[in-house]
């Protein structure tokens, strides 16, 4: 039920974009296992961000910036081409949308803000 609600929301918000159409094409034949693999990989990367934050690294450190590149590559490989513009929007959404923030902050309070800051730094180049 929840998934259908989120799918309808995504279609409503981004259905006319190239990225949305690419996502539909790329994932149309995903098995349950492939979805799990892609989503678990994404969550693992977010867990790495939390570990960096917890260890005191700054969002602009080389290791954290490498994680941003890893995140962008993972999204591109598994969902749709994650351009810098899309990545910047995701970073903003991670803190602006409470659902994303809550999900990311499962790894530690403030992780969503840390990821958003790291993405913003990465985009500025």
PDB file of N, CA and C in Angstrom:
ATOM      1  N   UNK A   1       0.832  -1.195   0.000  1.00  0.00           N
ATOM      2  CA  UNK A   1       0.000   0.000   0.000  1.00  0.00           C
ATOM      3  C   UNK A   1       0.872   1.253   0.000  1.00  0.00           C
ATOM      4  N   UNK A   2       1.856   1.318   0.928  1.00  0.00           N
ATOM      5  CA  UNK A   2       2.748   2.471   1.000  1.00  0.00           C
ATOM      6  C   UNK A   2       3.518   2.659  -0.303  1.00  0.00           C
ATOM      7  N   UNK A   3       4.023   1.564  -0.843  1.00  0.00           N
ATOM      8  CA  UNK A   3       4.798   1.623  -2.072  1.00  0.00           C
ATOM      9  C   UNK A   3       3.972   2.216  -3.207  1.00  0.00           C
ATOM     10  N   UNK A   4       2.729   1.802  -3.332  1.00  0.00           N
ATOM     11  CA  UNK A   4       1.860   2.343  -4.381  1.00  0.00           C
ATOM     12  C   UNK A   4       1.654   3.843  -4.210  1.00  0.00           C
ATOM     13  N   UNK A   5       1.508   4.278  -2.968  1.00  0.00           N
ATOM     14  CA  UNK A   5       1.344   5.711  -2.682  1.00  0.00           C
ATOM     15  C   UNK A   5       2.592   6.474  -3.124  1.00  0.00           C
ATOM     16  N   UNK A   6       3.776   5.948  -2.790  1.00  0.00           N
ATOM     17  CA  UNK A   6       5.025   6.608  -3.169  1.00  0.00           C
ATOM     18  C   UNK A   6       5.224   6.598  -4.683  1.00  0.00           C
ATOM     19  N   UNK A   7       4.863   5.491  -5.322  1.00  0.00           N
ATOM     20  CA  UNK A   7       4.977   5.410  -6.782  1.00  0.00           C
ATOM     21  C   UNK A   7       4.077   6.450  -7.444  1.00  0.00           C
ATOM     22  N   UNK A   8       2.862   6.591  -6.944  1.00  0.00           N
ATOM     23  CA  UNK A   8       1.938   7.586  -7.506  1.00  0.00           C
ATOM     24  C   UNK A   8       2.467   8.998  -7.296  1.00  0.00           C
ATOM     25  N   UNK A   9       3.038   9.253  -6.132  1.00  0.00           N
ATOM     26  CA  UNK A   9       3.609  10.572  -5.857  1.00  0.00           C
ATOM     27  C   UNK A   9       4.787  10.850  -6.792  1.00  0.00           C
ATOM     28  N   UNK A  10       5.668   9.877  -6.966  1.00  0.00           N
ATOM     29  CA  UNK A  10       6.818  10.049  -7.850  1.00  0.00           C
ATOM     30  C   UNK A  10       6.370  10.294  -9.288  1.00  0.00           C
ATOM     31  N   UNK A  11       5.393   9.536  -9.733  1.00  0.00           N
ATOM     32  CA  UNK A  11       4.872   9.698 -11.090  1.00  0.00           C
ATOM     33  C   UNK A  11       4.283  11.101 -11.266  1.00  0.00           C
ATOM     34  N   UNK A  12       3.567  11.555 -10.253  1.00  0.00           N
ATOM     35  CA  UNK A  12       2.950  12.880 -10.299  1.00  0.00           C
ATOM     36  C   UNK A  12       4.002  13.987 -10.338  1.00  0.00           C
ATOM     37  N   UNK A  13       5.057  13.832  -9.550  1.00  0.00           N
ATOM     38  CA  UNK A  13       6.080  14.882  -9.447  1.00  0.00           C
ATOM     39  C   UNK A  13       7.083  14.863 -10.601  1.00  0.00           C
ATOM     40  N   UNK A  14       7.504  13.654 -11.018  1.00  0.00           N
ATOM     41  CA  UNK A  14       8.604  13.558 -11.972  1.00  0.00           C
ATOM     42  C   UNK A  14       8.286  12.751 -13.213  1.00  0.00           C
ATOM     43  N   UNK A  15       7.043  12.340 -13.387  1.00  0.00           N
ATOM     44  CA  UNK A  15       6.661  11.453 -14.477  1.00  0.00           C
ATOM     45  C   UNK A  15       6.991  11.952 -15.865  1.00  0.00           C
ATOM     46  N   UNK A  16       7.087  13.259 -16.029  1.00  0.00           N
ATOM     47  CA  UNK A  16       7.378  13.804 -17.362  1.00  0.00           C
ATOM     48  C   UNK A  16       8.866  14.074 -17.581  1.00  0.00           C
ATOM     49  N   UNK A  17       9.723  13.586 -16.675  1.00  0.00           N
ATOM     50  CA  UNK A  17      11.160  13.829 -16.812  1.00  0.00           C
ATOM     51  C   UNK A  17      11.862  12.661 -17.503  1.00  0.00           C
ATOM     52  N   UNK A  18      12.986  12.963 -18.089  1.00  0.00           N
ATOM     53  CA  UNK A  18      13.817  11.935 -18.718  1.00  0.00           C
ATOM     54  C   UNK A  18      14.275  10.919 -17.675  1.00  0.00           C
ATOM     55  N   UNK A  19      14.659  11.395 -16.508  1.00  0.00           N
ATOM     56  CA  UNK A  19      15.140  10.495 -15.452  1.00  0.00           C
ATOM     57  C   UNK A  19      14.056   9.510 -15.035  1.00  0.00           C
ATOM     58  N   UNK A  20      12.831   9.973 -14.933  1.00  0.00           N
ATOM     59  CA  UNK A  20      11.740   9.079 -14.537  1.00  0.00           C
ATOM     60  C   UNK A  20      11.522   8.014 -15.608  1.00  0.00           C
ATOM     61  N   UNK A  21      11.526   8.417 -16.856  1.00  0.00           N
ATOM     62  CA  UNK A  21      11.336   7.449 -17.943  1.00  0.00           C
ATOM     63  C   UNK A  21      12.502   6.457 -17.977  1.00  0.00           C
ATOM     64  N   UNK A  22      13.708   6.955 -17.756  1.00  0.00           N
ATOM     65  CA  UNK A  22      14.871   6.067 -17.722  1.00  0.00           C
ATOM     66  C   UNK A  22      14.744   5.077 -16.558  1.00  0.00           C
ATOM     67  N   UNK A  23      14.304   5.558 -15.412  1.00  0.00           N
ATOM     68  CA  UNK A  23      14.108   4.696 -14.248  1.00  0.00           C
ATOM     69  C   UNK A  23      13.108   3.581 -14.562  1.00  0.00           C
ATOM     70  N   UNK A  24      12.008   3.937 -15.184  1.00  0.00           N
ATOM     71  CA  UNK A  24      11.012   2.924 -15.539  1.00  0.00           C
ATOM     72  C   UNK A  24      11.599   1.878 -16.472  1.00  0.00           C
ATOM     73  N   UNK A  25      12.347   2.323 -17.467  1.00  0.00           N
ATOM     74  CA  UNK A  25      12.946   1.403 -18.439  1.00  0.00           C
ATOM     75  C   UNK A  25      14.008   0.518 -17.771  1.00  0.00           C
ATOM     76  N   UNK A  26      14.870   1.132 -16.980  1.00  0.00           N
ATOM     77  CA  UNK A  26      15.982   0.401 -16.357  1.00  0.00           C
ATOM     78  C   UNK A  26      15.488  -0.629 -15.353  1.00  0.00           C
ATOM     79  N   UNK A  27      14.416  -0.322 -14.643  1.00  0.00           N
ATOM     80  CA  UNK A  27      13.986  -1.193 -13.548  1.00  0.00           C
ATOM     81  C   UNK A  27      12.798  -2.097 -13.886  1.00  0.00           C
ATOM     82  N   UNK A  28      12.288  -1.997 -15.103  1.00  0.00           N
ATOM     83  CA  UNK A  28      11.053  -2.731 -15.426  1.00  0.00           C
ATOM     84  C   UNK A  28      11.186  -4.244 -15.259  1.00  0.00           C
ATOM     85  N   UNK A  29      12.371  -4.780 -15.433  1.00  0.00           N
ATOM     86  CA  UNK A  29      12.554  -6.225 -15.306  1.00  0.00           C
ATOM     87  C   UNK A  29      13.284  -6.623 -14.015  1.00  0.00           C
ATOM     88  N   UNK A  30      13.410  -5.682 -13.087  1.00  0.00           N
ATOM     89  CA  UNK A  30      14.075  -6.011 -11.825  1.00  0.00           C
ATOM     90  C   UNK A  30      13.267  -7.069 -11.077  1.00  0.00           C
ATOM     91  N   UNK A  31      13.979  -8.038 -10.570  1.00  0.00           N
ATOM     92  CA  UNK A  31      13.361  -9.030  -9.696  1.00  0.00           C
ATOM     93  C   UNK A  31      13.307  -8.448  -8.283  1.00  0.00           C
ATOM     94  N   UNK A  32      12.604  -9.126  -7.428  1.00  0.00           N
ATOM     95  CA  UNK A  32      12.549  -8.724  -6.023  1.00  0.00           C
ATOM     96  C   UNK A  32      13.971  -8.684  -5.444  1.00  0.00           C
ATOM     97  N   UNK A  33      14.787  -9.657  -5.842  1.00  0.00           N
ATOM     98  CA  UNK A  33      16.167  -9.735  -5.360  1.00  0.00           C
ATOM     99  C   UNK A  33      17.007  -8.561  -5.866  1.00  0.00           C
ATOM    100  N   UNK A  34      16.823  -8.201  -7.136  1.00  0.00           N
ATOM    101  CA  UNK A  34      17.576  -7.073  -7.701  1.00  0.00           C
ATOM    102  C   UNK A  34      17.182  -5.772  -7.015  1.00  0.00           C
ATOM    103  N   UNK A  35      15.885  -5.582  -6.761  1.00  0.00           N
ATOM    104  CA  UNK A  35      15.436  -4.393  -6.024  1.00  0.00           C
ATOM    105  C   UNK A  35      16.089  -4.350  -4.652  1.00  0.00           C
ATOM    106  N   UNK A  36      16.103  -5.488  -3.971  1.00  0.00           N
ATOM    107  CA  UNK A  36      16.691  -5.557  -2.630  1.00  0.00           C
ATOM    108  C   UNK A  36      18.179  -5.222  -2.687  1.00  0.00           C
ATOM    109  N   UNK A  37      18.870  -5.773  -3.675  1.00  0.00           N
ATOM    110  CA  UNK A  37      20.305  -5.517  -3.832  1.00  0.00           C
ATOM    111  C   UNK A  37      20.574  -4.022  -4.060  1.00  0.00           C
ATOM    112  N   UNK A  38      19.817  -3.416  -4.956  1.00  0.00           N
ATOM    113  CA  UNK A  38      20.001  -1.995  -5.270  1.00  0.00           C
ATOM    114  C   UNK A  38      19.701  -1.133  -4.046  1.00  0.00           C
ATOM    115  N   UNK A  39      18.599  -1.423  -3.372  1.00  0.00           N
ATOM    116  CA  UNK A  39      18.207  -0.615  -2.216  1.00  0.00           C
ATOM    117  C   UNK A  39      19.143  -0.825  -1.025  1.00  0.00           C
ATOM    118  N   UNK A  40      19.582  -2.051  -0.817  1.00  0.00           N
ATOM    119  CA  UNK A  40      20.523  -2.320   0.274  1.00  0.00           C
ATOM    120  C   UNK A  40      21.864  -1.642   0.005  1.00  0.00           C
ATOM    121  N   UNK A  41      22.276  -1.609  -1.262  1.00  0.00           N
ATOM    122  CA  UNK A  41      23.515  -0.918  -1.613  1.00  0.00           C
ATOM    123  C   UNK A  41      23.431   0.570  -1.317  1.00  0.00           C
ATOM    124  N   UNK A  42      22.287   1.146  -1.625  1.00  0.00           N
ATOM    125  CA  UNK A  42      22.069   2.564  -1.346  1.00  0.00           C
ATOM    126  C   UNK A  42      22.119   2.826   0.155  1.00  0.00           C
ATOM    127  N   UNK A  43      21.438   1.992   0.914  1.00  0.00           N
ATOM    128  CA  UNK A  43      21.416   2.179   2.367  1.00  0.00           C
ATOM    129  C   UNK A  43      22.801   1.957   2.972  1.00  0.00           C
ATOM    130  N   UNK A  44      23.573   1.054   2.408  1.00  0.00           N
ATOM    131  CA  UNK A  44      24.934   0.825   2.905  1.00  0.00           C
ATOM    132  C   UNK A  44      25.792   2.074   2.715  1.00  0.00           C
ATOM    133  N   UNK A  45      25.627   2.736   1.600  1.00  0.00           N
ATOM    134  CA  UNK A  45      26.376   3.970   1.355  1.00  0.00           C
ATOM    135  C   UNK A  45      25.970   5.032   2.377  1.00  0.00           C
ATOM    136  N   UNK A  46      24.689   5.136   2.653  1.00  0.00           N
ATOM    137  CA  UNK A  46      24.233   6.099   3.665  1.00  0.00           C
ATOM    138  C   UNK A  46      24.810   5.745   5.035  1.00  0.00           C
ATOM    139  N   UNK A  47      24.934   4.456   5.316  1.00  0.00           N
ATOM    140  CA  UNK A  47      25.580   4.015   6.553  1.00  0.00           C
ATOM    141  C   UNK A  47      27.041   4.421   6.613  1.00  0.00           C
ATOM    142  N   UNK A  48      27.712   4.397   5.460  1.00  0.00           N
ATOM    143  CA  UNK A  48      29.111   4.850   5.403  1.00  0.00           C
ATOM    144  C   UNK A  48      29.211   6.343   5.709  1.00  0.00           C
ATOM    145  N   UNK A  49      28.259   7.120   5.191  1.00  0.00           N
ATOM    146  CA  UNK A  49      28.235   8.552   5.521  1.00  0.00           C
ATOM    147  C   UNK A  49      28.116   8.738   7.035  1.00  0.00           C
ATOM    148  N   UNK A  50      27.218   7.977   7.655  1.00  0.00           N
ATOM    149  CA  UNK A  50      27.013   8.094   9.099  1.00  0.00           C
ATOM    150  C   UNK A  50      28.290   7.757   9.862  1.00  0.00           C
ATOM    151  N   UNK A  51      28.989   6.725   9.422  1.00  0.00           N
ATOM    152  CA  UNK A  51      30.241   6.344  10.082  1.00  0.00           C
ATOM    153  C   UNK A  51      31.282   7.451   9.961  1.00  0.00           C
ATOM    154  N   UNK A  52      31.345   8.078   8.805  1.00  0.00           N
ATOM    155  CA  UNK A  52      32.289   9.195   8.616  1.00  0.00           C
ATOM    156  C   UNK A  52      31.926  10.352   9.540  1.00  0.00           C
ATOM    157  N   UNK A  53      30.647  10.670   9.588  1.00  0.00           N
ATOM    158  CA  UNK A  53      30.182  11.753  10.459  1.00  0.00           C
ATOM    159  C   UNK A  53      30.528  11.438  11.901  1.00  0.00           C
ATOM    160  N   UNK A  54      30.229  10.213  12.305  1.00  0.00           N
ATOM    161  CA  UNK A  54      30.456   9.785  13.685  1.00  0.00           C
ATOM    162  C   UNK A  54      31.940   9.842  14.053  1.00  0.00           C
ATOM    163  N   UNK A  55      32.800   9.580  13.087  1.00  0.00           N
ATOM    164  CA  UNK A  55      34.239   9.585  13.372  1.00  0.00           C
ATOM    165  C   UNK A  55      34.829  10.994  13.352  1.00  0.00           C
ATOM    166  N   UNK A  56      33.979  11.982  13.062  1.00  0.00           N
ATOM    167  CA  UNK A  56      34.444  13.364  13.113  1.00  0.00           C
ATOM    168  C   UNK A  56      34.924  13.937  11.799  1.00  0.00           C
ATOM    169  N   UNK A  57      34.766  13.203  10.716  1.00  0.00           N
ATOM    170  CA  UNK A  57      35.173  13.734   9.413  1.00  0.00           C
ATOM    171  C   UNK A  57      34.272  14.896   9.017  1.00  0.00           C
ATOM    172  N   UNK A  58      34.828  15.800   8.242  1.00  0.00           N
ATOM    173  CA  UNK A  58      34.015  16.910   7.747  1.00  0.00           C
ATOM    174  C   UNK A  58      33.404  16.524   6.403  1.00  0.00           C
ATOM    175  N   UNK A  59      32.324  17.197   6.063  1.00  0.00           N
ATOM    176  CA  UNK A  59      31.608  16.896   4.821  1.00  0.00           C
ATOM    177  C   UNK A  59      32.471  17.153   3.593  1.00  0.00           C
ATOM    178  N   UNK A  60      33.490  17.989   3.730  1.00  0.00           N
ATOM    179  CA  UNK A  60      34.344  18.296   2.581  1.00  0.00           C
ATOM    180  C   UNK A  60      35.630  17.468   2.551  1.00  0.00           C
ATOM    181  N   UNK A  61      35.762  16.498   3.463  1.00  0.00           N
ATOM    182  CA  UNK A  61      36.959  15.651   3.460  1.00  0.00           C
ATOM    183  C   UNK A  61      36.991  14.796   2.194  1.00  0.00           C
ATOM    184  N   UNK A  62      38.181  14.387   1.809  1.00  0.00           N
ATOM    185  CA  UNK A  62      38.331  13.577   0.599  1.00  0.00           C
ATOM    186  C   UNK A  62      37.510  12.288   0.678  1.00  0.00           C
ATOM    187  N   UNK A  63      37.516  11.637   1.843  1.00  0.00           N
ATOM    188  CA  UNK A  63      36.794  10.373   1.982  1.00  0.00           C
ATOM    189  C   UNK A  63      35.288  10.582   1.809  1.00  0.00           C
ATOM    190  N   UNK A  64      34.756  11.626   2.416  1.00  0.00           N
ATOM    191  CA  UNK A  64      33.321  11.891   2.315  1.00  0.00           C
ATOM    192  C   UNK A  64      32.962  12.312   0.890  1.00  0.00           C
ATOM    193  N   UNK A  65      33.805  13.092   0.263  1.00  0.00           N
ATOM    194  CA  UNK A  65      33.538  13.492  -1.115  1.00  0.00           C
ATOM    195  C   UNK A  65      33.587  12.287  -2.052  1.00  0.00           C
ATOM    196  N   UNK A  66      34.451  11.318  -1.753  1.00  0.00           N
ATOM    197  CA  UNK A  66      34.474  10.072  -2.528  1.00  0.00           C
ATOM    198  C   UNK A  66      33.172   9.294  -2.343  1.00  0.00           C
ATOM    199  N   UNK A  67      32.606   9.372  -1.142  1.00  0.00           N
ATOM    200  CA  UNK A  67      31.320   8.711  -0.896  1.00  0.00           C
ATOM    201  C   UNK A  67      30.201   9.350  -1.708  1.00  0.00           C
ATOM    202  N   UNK A  68      30.261  10.667  -1.877  1.00  0.00           N
ATOM    203  CA  UNK A  68      29.250  11.334  -2.705  1.00  0.00           C
ATOM    204  C   UNK A  68      29.341  10.805  -4.135  1.00  0.00           C
ATOM    205  N   UNK A  69      30.567  10.690  -4.648  1.00  0.00           N
ATOM    206  CA  UNK A  69      30.750  10.147  -5.995  1.00  0.00           C
ATOM    207  C   UNK A  69      30.237   8.702  -6.065  1.00  0.00           C
ATOM    208  N   UNK A  70      30.469   7.935  -5.006  1.00  0.00           N
ATOM    209  CA  UNK A  70      29.991   6.547  -4.942  1.00  0.00           C
ATOM    210  C   UNK A  70      28.463   6.510  -4.937  1.00  0.00           C
ATOM    211  N   UNK A  71      27.845   7.415  -4.195  1.00  0.00           N
ATOM    212  CA  UNK A  71      26.385   7.515  -4.157  1.00  0.00           C
ATOM    213  C   UNK A  71      25.837   7.838  -5.539  1.00  0.00           C
ATOM    214  N   UNK A  72      26.420   8.812  -6.183  1.00  0.00           N
ATOM    215  CA  UNK A  72      25.967   9.216  -7.515  1.00  0.00           C
ATOM    216  C   UNK A  72      26.122   8.064  -8.505  1.00  0.00           C
ATOM    217  N   UNK A  73      27.228   7.362  -8.440  1.00  0.00           N
ATOM    218  CA  UNK A  73      27.460   6.221  -9.341  1.00  0.00           C
ATOM    219  C   UNK A  73      26.467   5.087  -9.059  1.00  0.00           C
ATOM    220  N   UNK A  74      26.162   4.856  -7.793  1.00  0.00           N
ATOM    221  CA  UNK A  74      25.207   3.798  -7.438  1.00  0.00           C
ATOM    222  C   UNK A  74      23.816   4.123  -7.983  1.00  0.00           C
ATOM    223  N   UNK A  75      23.389   5.347  -7.815  1.00  0.00           N
ATOM    224  CA  UNK A  75      22.082   5.753  -8.325  1.00  0.00           C
ATOM    225  C   UNK A  75      22.046   5.594  -9.841  1.00  0.00           C
ATOM    226  N   UNK A  76      23.103   6.035 -10.509  1.00  0.00           N
ATOM    227  CA  UNK A  76      23.168   5.922 -11.968  1.00  0.00           C
ATOM    228  C   UNK A  76      23.142   4.465 -12.414  1.00  0.00           C
ATOM    229  N   UNK A  77      23.887   3.617 -11.741  1.00  0.00           N
ATOM    230  CA  UNK A  77      23.964   2.207 -12.133  1.00  0.00           C
ATOM    231  C   UNK A  77      22.653   1.460 -11.892  1.00  0.00           C
ATOM    232  N   UNK A  78      21.908   1.865 -10.877  1.00  0.00           N
ATOM    233  CA  UNK A  78      20.749   1.072 -10.472  1.00  0.00           C
ATOM    234  C   UNK A  78      19.382   1.681 -10.742  1.00  0.00           C
ATOM    235  N   UNK A  79      19.313   3.006 -10.921  1.00  0.00           N
ATOM    236  CA  UNK A  79      18.005   3.642 -11.023  1.00  0.00           C
ATOM    237  C   UNK A  79      17.850   4.534 -12.258  1.00  0.00           C
ATOM    238  N   UNK A  80      18.693   5.538 -12.393  1.00  0.00           N
ATOM    239  CA  UNK A  80      18.629   6.505 -13.498  1.00  0.00           C
ATOM    240  C   UNK A  80      19.907   7.314 -13.487  1.00  0.00           C
ATOM    241  N   UNK A  81      20.197   8.013 -14.580  1.00  0.00           N
ATOM    242  CA  UNK A  81      21.405   8.833 -14.649  1.00  0.00           C
ATOM    243  C   UNK A  81      21.283   9.970 -13.642  1.00  0.00           C
ATOM    244  N   UNK A  82      22.157   9.945 -12.665  1.00  0.00           N
ATOM    245  CA  UNK A  82      22.123  10.924 -11.581  1.00  0.00           C
ATOM    246  C   UNK A  82      23.090  12.062 -11.927  1.00  0.00           C
ATOM    247  N   UNK A  83      22.566  13.049 -12.630  1.00  0.00           N
ATOM    248  CA  UNK A  83      23.375  14.212 -12.986  1.00  0.00           C
ATOM    249  C   UNK A  83      23.688  15.018 -11.727  1.00  0.00           C
ATOM    250  N   UNK A  84      24.604  15.954 -11.849  1.00  0.00           N
ATOM    251  CA  UNK A  84      24.906  16.830 -10.708  1.00  0.00           C
ATOM    252  C   UNK A  84      23.658  17.595 -10.269  1.00  0.00           C
ATOM    253  N   UNK A  85      22.849  18.007 -11.227  1.00  0.00           N
ATOM    254  CA  UNK A  85      21.625  18.742 -10.902  1.00  0.00           C
ATOM    255  C   UNK A  85      20.661  17.866 -10.099  1.00  0.00           C
ATOM    256  N   UNK A  86      20.492  16.635 -10.530  1.00  0.00           N
ATOM    257  CA  UNK A  86      19.617  15.708  -9.806  1.00  0.00           C
ATOM    258  C   UNK A  86      20.196  15.413  -8.430  1.00  0.00           C
ATOM    259  N   UNK A  87      21.503  15.187  -8.364  1.00  0.00           N
ATOM    260  CA  UNK A  87      22.151  14.907  -7.087  1.00  0.00           C
ATOM    261  C   UNK A  87      21.949  16.068  -6.115  1.00  0.00           C
ATOM    262  N   UNK A  88      22.083  17.294  -6.602  1.00  0.00           N
ATOM    263  CA  UNK A  88      21.868  18.465  -5.746  1.00  0.00           C
ATOM    264  C   UNK A  88      20.441  18.478  -5.210  1.00  0.00           C
ATOM    265  N   UNK A  89      19.482  18.161  -6.070  1.00  0.00           N
ATOM    266  CA  UNK A  89      18.087  18.104  -5.651  1.00  0.00           C
ATOM    267  C   UNK A  89      17.849  17.012  -4.624  1.00  0.00           C
ATOM    268  N   UNK A  90      18.488  15.868  -4.798  1.00  0.00           N
ATOM    269  CA  UNK A  90      18.359  14.784  -3.824  1.00  0.00           C
ATOM    270  C   UNK A  90      18.894  15.229  -2.466  1.00  0.00           C
ATOM    271  N   UNK A  91      20.041  15.886  -2.476  1.00  0.00           N
ATOM    272  CA  UNK A  91      20.623  16.364  -1.222  1.00  0.00           C
ATOM    273  C   UNK A  91      19.672  17.282  -0.482  1.00  0.00           C
ATOM    274  N   UNK A  92      19.031  18.166  -1.207  1.00  0.00           N
ATOM    275  CA  UNK A  92      18.057  19.078  -0.591  1.00  0.00           C
ATOM    276  C   UNK A  92      16.842  18.309  -0.081  1.00  0.00           C
ATOM    277  N   UNK A  93      16.395  17.346  -0.860  1.00  0.00           N
ATOM    278  CA  UNK A  93      15.221  16.554  -0.480  1.00  0.00           C
ATOM    279  C   UNK A  93      15.504  15.708   0.763  1.00  0.00           C
ATOM    280  N   UNK A  94      16.755  15.258   0.915  1.00  0.00           N
ATOM    281  CA  UNK A  94      17.106  14.429   2.064  1.00  0.00           C
ATOM    282  C   UNK A  94      16.842  15.143   3.389  1.00  0.00           C
ATOM    283  N   UNK A  95      16.896  16.477   3.391  1.00  0.00           N
ATOM    284  CA  UNK A  95      16.621  17.208   4.627  1.00  0.00           C
ATOM    285  C   UNK A  95      15.250  17.883   4.617  1.00  0.00           C
ATOM    286  N   UNK A  96      14.734  18.222   3.455  1.00  0.00           N
ATOM    287  CA  UNK A  96      13.458  18.933   3.372  1.00  0.00           C
ATOM    288  C   UNK A  96      12.253  18.007   3.541  1.00  0.00           C
ATOM    289  N   UNK A  97      12.378  16.770   3.097  1.00  0.00           N
ATOM    290  CA  UNK A  97      11.270  15.807   3.186  1.00  0.00           C
ATOM    291  C   UNK A  97      11.497  14.942   4.428  1.00  0.00           C
ATOM    292  N   UNK A  98      10.618  15.087   5.394  1.00  0.00           N
ATOM    293  CA  UNK A  98      10.779  14.373   6.667  1.00  0.00           C
ATOM    294  C   UNK A  98      10.866  12.859   6.506  1.00  0.00           C
ATOM    295  N   UNK A  99      10.237  12.314   5.484  1.00  0.00           N
ATOM    296  CA  UNK A  99      10.301  10.861   5.273  1.00  0.00           C
ATOM    297  C   UNK A  99      11.727  10.437   4.949  1.00  0.00           C
ATOM    298  N   UNK A 100      12.384  11.189   4.063  1.00  0.00           N
ATOM    299  CA  UNK A 100      13.775  10.877   3.724  1.00  0.00           C
ATOM    300  C   UNK A 100      14.677  11.117   4.924  1.00  0.00           C
ATOM    301  N   UNK A 101      14.487  12.255   5.568  1.00  0.00           N
ATOM    302  CA  UNK A 101      15.327  12.618   6.716  1.00  0.00           C
ATOM    303  C   UNK A 101      15.251  11.539   7.797  1.00  0.00           C
ATOM    304  N   UNK A 102      14.048  11.112   8.108  1.00  0.00           N
ATOM    305  CA  UNK A 102      13.860  10.095   9.150  1.00  0.00           C
ATOM    306  C   UNK A 102      14.531   8.778   8.752  1.00  0.00           C
ATOM    307  N   UNK A 103      14.391   8.394   7.503  1.00  0.00           N
ATOM    308  CA  UNK A 103      14.981   7.152   7.020  1.00  0.00           C
ATOM    309  C   UNK A 103      16.508   7.207   7.071  1.00  0.00           C
ATOM    310  N   UNK A 104      17.079   8.318   6.653  1.00  0.00           N
ATOM    311  CA  UNK A 104      18.545   8.455   6.645  1.00  0.00           C
ATOM    312  C   UNK A 104      19.080   8.596   8.067  1.00  0.00           C
ATOM    313  N   UNK A 105      18.355   9.308   8.907  1.00  0.00           N
ATOM    314  CA  UNK A 105      18.809   9.511  10.284  1.00  0.00           C
ATOM    315  C   UNK A 105      18.695   8.250  11.146  1.00  0.00           C
ATOM    316  N   UNK A 106      18.172   7.158  10.568  1.00  0.00           N
ATOM    317  CA  UNK A 106      18.206   5.876  11.283  1.00  0.00           C
ATOM    318  C   UNK A 106      19.655   5.491  11.573  1.00  0.00           C
ATOM    319  N   UNK A 107      20.566   5.989  10.765  1.00  0.00           N
ATOM    320  CA  UNK A 107      21.978   5.667  10.927  1.00  0.00           C
ATOM    321  C   UNK A 107      22.656   6.552  11.956  1.00  0.00           C
ATOM    322  N   UNK A 108      21.947   7.549  12.438  1.00  0.00           N
ATOM    323  CA  UNK A 108      22.482   8.468  13.427  1.00  0.00           C
ATOM    324  C   UNK A 108      21.895   9.850  13.196  1.00  0.00           C
ATOM    325  N   UNK A 109      21.510  10.479  14.276  1.00  0.00           N
ATOM    326  CA  UNK A 109      20.928  11.818  14.207  1.00  0.00           C
ATOM    327  C   UNK A 109      21.874  12.767  13.467  1.00  0.00           C
ATOM    328  N   UNK A 110      21.337  13.478  12.497  1.00  0.00           N
ATOM    329  CA  UNK A 110      22.128  14.447  11.748  1.00  0.00           C
ATOM    330  C   UNK A 110      22.769  13.895  10.482  1.00  0.00           C
ATOM    331  N   UNK A 111      22.573  12.604  10.216  1.00  0.00           N
ATOM    332  CA  UNK A 111      23.191  12.020   9.017  1.00  0.00           C
ATOM    333  C   UNK A 111      22.623  12.645   7.747  1.00  0.00           C
ATOM    334  N   UNK A 112      21.325  12.887   7.702  1.00  0.00           N
ATOM    335  CA  UNK A 112      20.727  13.488   6.499  1.00  0.00           C
ATOM    336  C   UNK A 112      21.342  14.853   6.211  1.00  0.00           C
ATOM    337  N   UNK A 113      21.506  15.666   7.251  1.00  0.00           N
ATOM    338  CA  UNK A 113      22.126  16.982   7.065  1.00  0.00           C
ATOM    339  C   UNK A 113      23.570  16.847   6.594  1.00  0.00           C
ATOM    340  N   UNK A 114      24.269  15.873   7.153  1.00  0.00           N
ATOM    341  CA  UNK A 114      25.666  15.634   6.774  1.00  0.00           C
ATOM    342  C   UNK A 114      25.770  15.250   5.305  1.00  0.00           C
ATOM    343  N   UNK A 115      24.901  14.347   4.859  1.00  0.00           N
ATOM    344  CA  UNK A 115      24.895  13.926   3.455  1.00  0.00           C
ATOM    345  C   UNK A 115      24.551  15.116   2.562  1.00  0.00           C
ATOM    346  N   UNK A 116      23.553  15.888   2.955  1.00  0.00           N
ATOM    347  CA  UNK A 116      23.157  17.062   2.162  1.00  0.00           C
ATOM    348  C   UNK A 116      24.306  18.061   2.041  1.00  0.00           C
ATOM    349  N   UNK A 117      25.011  18.289   3.146  1.00  0.00           N
ATOM    350  CA  UNK A 117      26.156  19.210   3.129  1.00  0.00           C
ATOM    351  C   UNK A 117      27.273  18.665   2.235  1.00  0.00           C
ATOM    352  N   UNK A 118      27.513  17.364   2.326  1.00  0.00           N
ATOM    353  CA  UNK A 118      28.551  16.737   1.508  1.00  0.00           C
ATOM    354  C   UNK A 118      28.208  16.849   0.022  1.00  0.00           C
ATOM    355  N   UNK A 119      26.944  16.622  -0.302  1.00  0.00           N
ATOM    356  CA  UNK A 119      26.516  16.737  -1.700  1.00  0.00           C
ATOM    357  C   UNK A 119      26.671  18.167  -2.187  1.00  0.00           C
ATOM    358  N   UNK A 120      26.248  19.135  -1.384  1.00  0.00           N
ATOM    359  CA  UNK A 120      26.359  20.544  -1.776  1.00  0.00           C
ATOM    360  C   UNK A 120      27.808  20.918  -2.040  1.00  0.00           C
ATOM    361  N   UNK A 121      28.705  20.437  -1.202  1.00  0.00           N
ATOM    362  CA  UNK A 121      30.138  20.702  -1.378  1.00  0.00           C
ATOM    363  C   UNK A 121      30.644  20.061  -2.665  1.00  0.00           C
ATOM    364  N   UNK A 122      30.236  18.842  -2.899  1.00  0.00           N
ATOM    365  CA  UNK A 122      30.636  18.095  -4.101  1.00  0.00           C
ATOM    366  C   UNK A 122      30.191  18.820  -5.360  1.00  0.00           C
ATOM    367  N   UNK A 123      28.969  19.306  -5.364  1.00  0.00           N
ATOM    368  CA  UNK A 123      28.418  19.980  -6.541  1.00  0.00           C
ATOM    369  C   UNK A 123      29.161  21.285  -6.811  1.00  0.00           C
ATOM    370  N   UNK A 124      29.540  21.970  -5.754  1.00  0.00           N
ATOM    371  CA  UNK A 124      30.279  23.237  -5.936  1.00  0.00           C
ATOM    372  C   UNK A 124      31.645  22.989  -6.561  1.00  0.00           C
ATOM    373  N   UNK A 125      32.142  21.749  -6.373  1.00  0.00           N
ATOM    374  CA  UNK A 125      33.384  21.328  -6.997  1.00  0.00           C
ATOM    375  C   UNK A 125      34.559  22.025  -6.493  1.00  0.00           C
TER     376      UNK A 125
END
